[in-house]
Amino acid sequence: MVDKKTWKEFRESGILWWINMILHIFGWAIVVNVEDSGEVTEAYPARVKFRGFDEKNNTVGYIKVSEYLKKNIVEIEKESKE
C-alpha cells in the first residue's frame, strides 16, 4: 500500500522533525523550502554542521508526534499486523 502524502502533512505531523533529529547524528538533514503561502517548493537531503534543535522546537516536535500517534495509532497497529 502506498498512500501519497504532501510535504506539508509530513511537516505538520512532526515526523520530519523526528527524522531530522536522527539524521543530525550523521550530519545530515532533510531540508524543506517553504514559501510564505505555506507551499513547499523544494525538498532535498543535505549535509549539515548543526546537531539537534533548541528546546522550543523539541517541545513542539514532541507534541506534534504525540498528537499524530494519538490520532493514528489504531491504524498504525493494524497495518503492522497485515
Protein backbone atom coordinates (compact mmCIF):
# COMPACT_ATOMS: atom_id res chain seq x y z
CA MET A 1 0.00 0.00 0.00
CA VAL A 2 1.20 3.47 -0.87
CA ASP A 3 -0.82 6.50 0.16
CA LYS A 4 0.93 9.58 -1.22
CA LYS A 5 1.07 12.48 1.23
CA THR A 6 2.20 16.09 0.95
CA TRP A 7 5.33 17.59 2.43
CA LYS A 8 3.02 19.91 4.36
CA GLU A 9 1.31 16.98 6.07
CA PHE A 10 4.68 15.32 6.76
CA ARG A 11 5.99 18.51 8.38
CA GLU A 12 2.82 19.18 10.38
CA SER A 13 2.81 15.65 11.79
CA GLY A 14 6.20 16.27 13.42
CA ILE A 15 7.72 13.30 11.59
CA LEU A 16 10.12 15.49 9.59
CA TRP A 17 11.43 16.94 12.86
CA TRP A 18 11.80 13.43 14.30
CA ILE A 19 13.63 12.10 11.24
CA ASN A 20 15.90 15.14 11.16
CA MET A 21 16.81 14.55 14.82
CA ILE A 22 18.02 11.10 13.80
CA LEU A 23 19.77 12.38 10.66
CA HIS A 24 21.60 15.08 12.66
CA ILE A 25 23.62 12.34 14.37
CA PHE A 26 25.21 11.66 10.98
CA GLY A 27 25.48 15.32 9.96
CA TRP A 28 22.53 15.11 7.56
CA ALA A 29 19.05 16.65 7.33
CA ILE A 30 16.10 16.81 5.01
CA VAL A 31 15.73 20.47 4.04
CA VAL A 32 12.29 21.71 3.02
CA ASN A 33 11.89 25.16 1.44
CA VAL A 34 8.52 26.68 2.27
CA GLU A 35 7.06 29.81 0.67
CA ASP A 36 5.16 32.41 2.72
CA SER A 37 1.98 30.84 1.35
CA GLY A 38 2.92 27.54 3.04
CA GLU A 39 3.65 25.83 -0.28
CA VAL A 40 6.67 23.53 -0.28
CA THR A 41 8.76 24.38 -3.34
CA GLU A 42 11.72 22.08 -2.80
CA ALA A 43 12.92 19.26 -0.56
CA TYR A 44 16.35 17.67 -0.56
CA PRO A 45 18.85 15.87 1.66
CA ALA A 46 21.80 17.96 2.83
CA ARG A 47 24.95 17.69 4.90
CA VAL A 48 24.71 20.00 7.91
CA LYS A 49 27.04 21.16 10.69
CA PHE A 50 24.41 21.62 13.38
CA ARG A 51 23.25 18.85 15.69
CA GLY A 52 19.79 18.82 17.23
CA PHE A 53 17.20 21.52 17.83
CA ASP A 54 16.61 24.05 20.57
CA GLU A 55 14.28 23.32 23.49
CA LYS A 56 11.32 25.20 21.97
CA ASN A 57 11.45 23.26 18.68
CA ASN A 58 11.93 19.97 20.53
CA THR A 59 8.88 20.65 22.69
CA VAL A 60 6.75 21.48 19.63
CA GLY A 61 8.11 18.42 17.82
CA TYR A 62 7.32 16.03 20.67
CA ILE A 63 3.81 17.44 20.95
CA LYS A 64 3.18 17.07 17.20
CA VAL A 65 4.48 13.49 17.08
CA SER A 66 2.45 12.57 20.19
CA GLU A 67 -0.70 14.05 18.64
CA TYR A 68 -0.03 12.21 15.38
CA LEU A 69 0.39 8.91 17.20
CA LYS A 70 -2.73 9.52 19.29
CA LYS A 71 -4.80 10.11 16.14
CA ASN A 72 -3.30 7.26 14.10
CA ILE A 73 -2.18 4.51 16.48
CA VAL A 74 -5.08 2.13 15.77
CA GLU A 75 -4.38 2.23 12.03
CA ILE A 76 -0.61 2.01 12.54
CA GLU A 77 -1.01 -1.09 14.71
CA LYS A 78 -3.46 -2.66 12.27
CA GLU A 79 -1.11 -2.09 9.31
CA SER A 80 1.83 -3.58 11.21
CA LYS A 81 -0.07 -6.86 11.54
CA GLU A 82 -1.18 -7.13 7.92
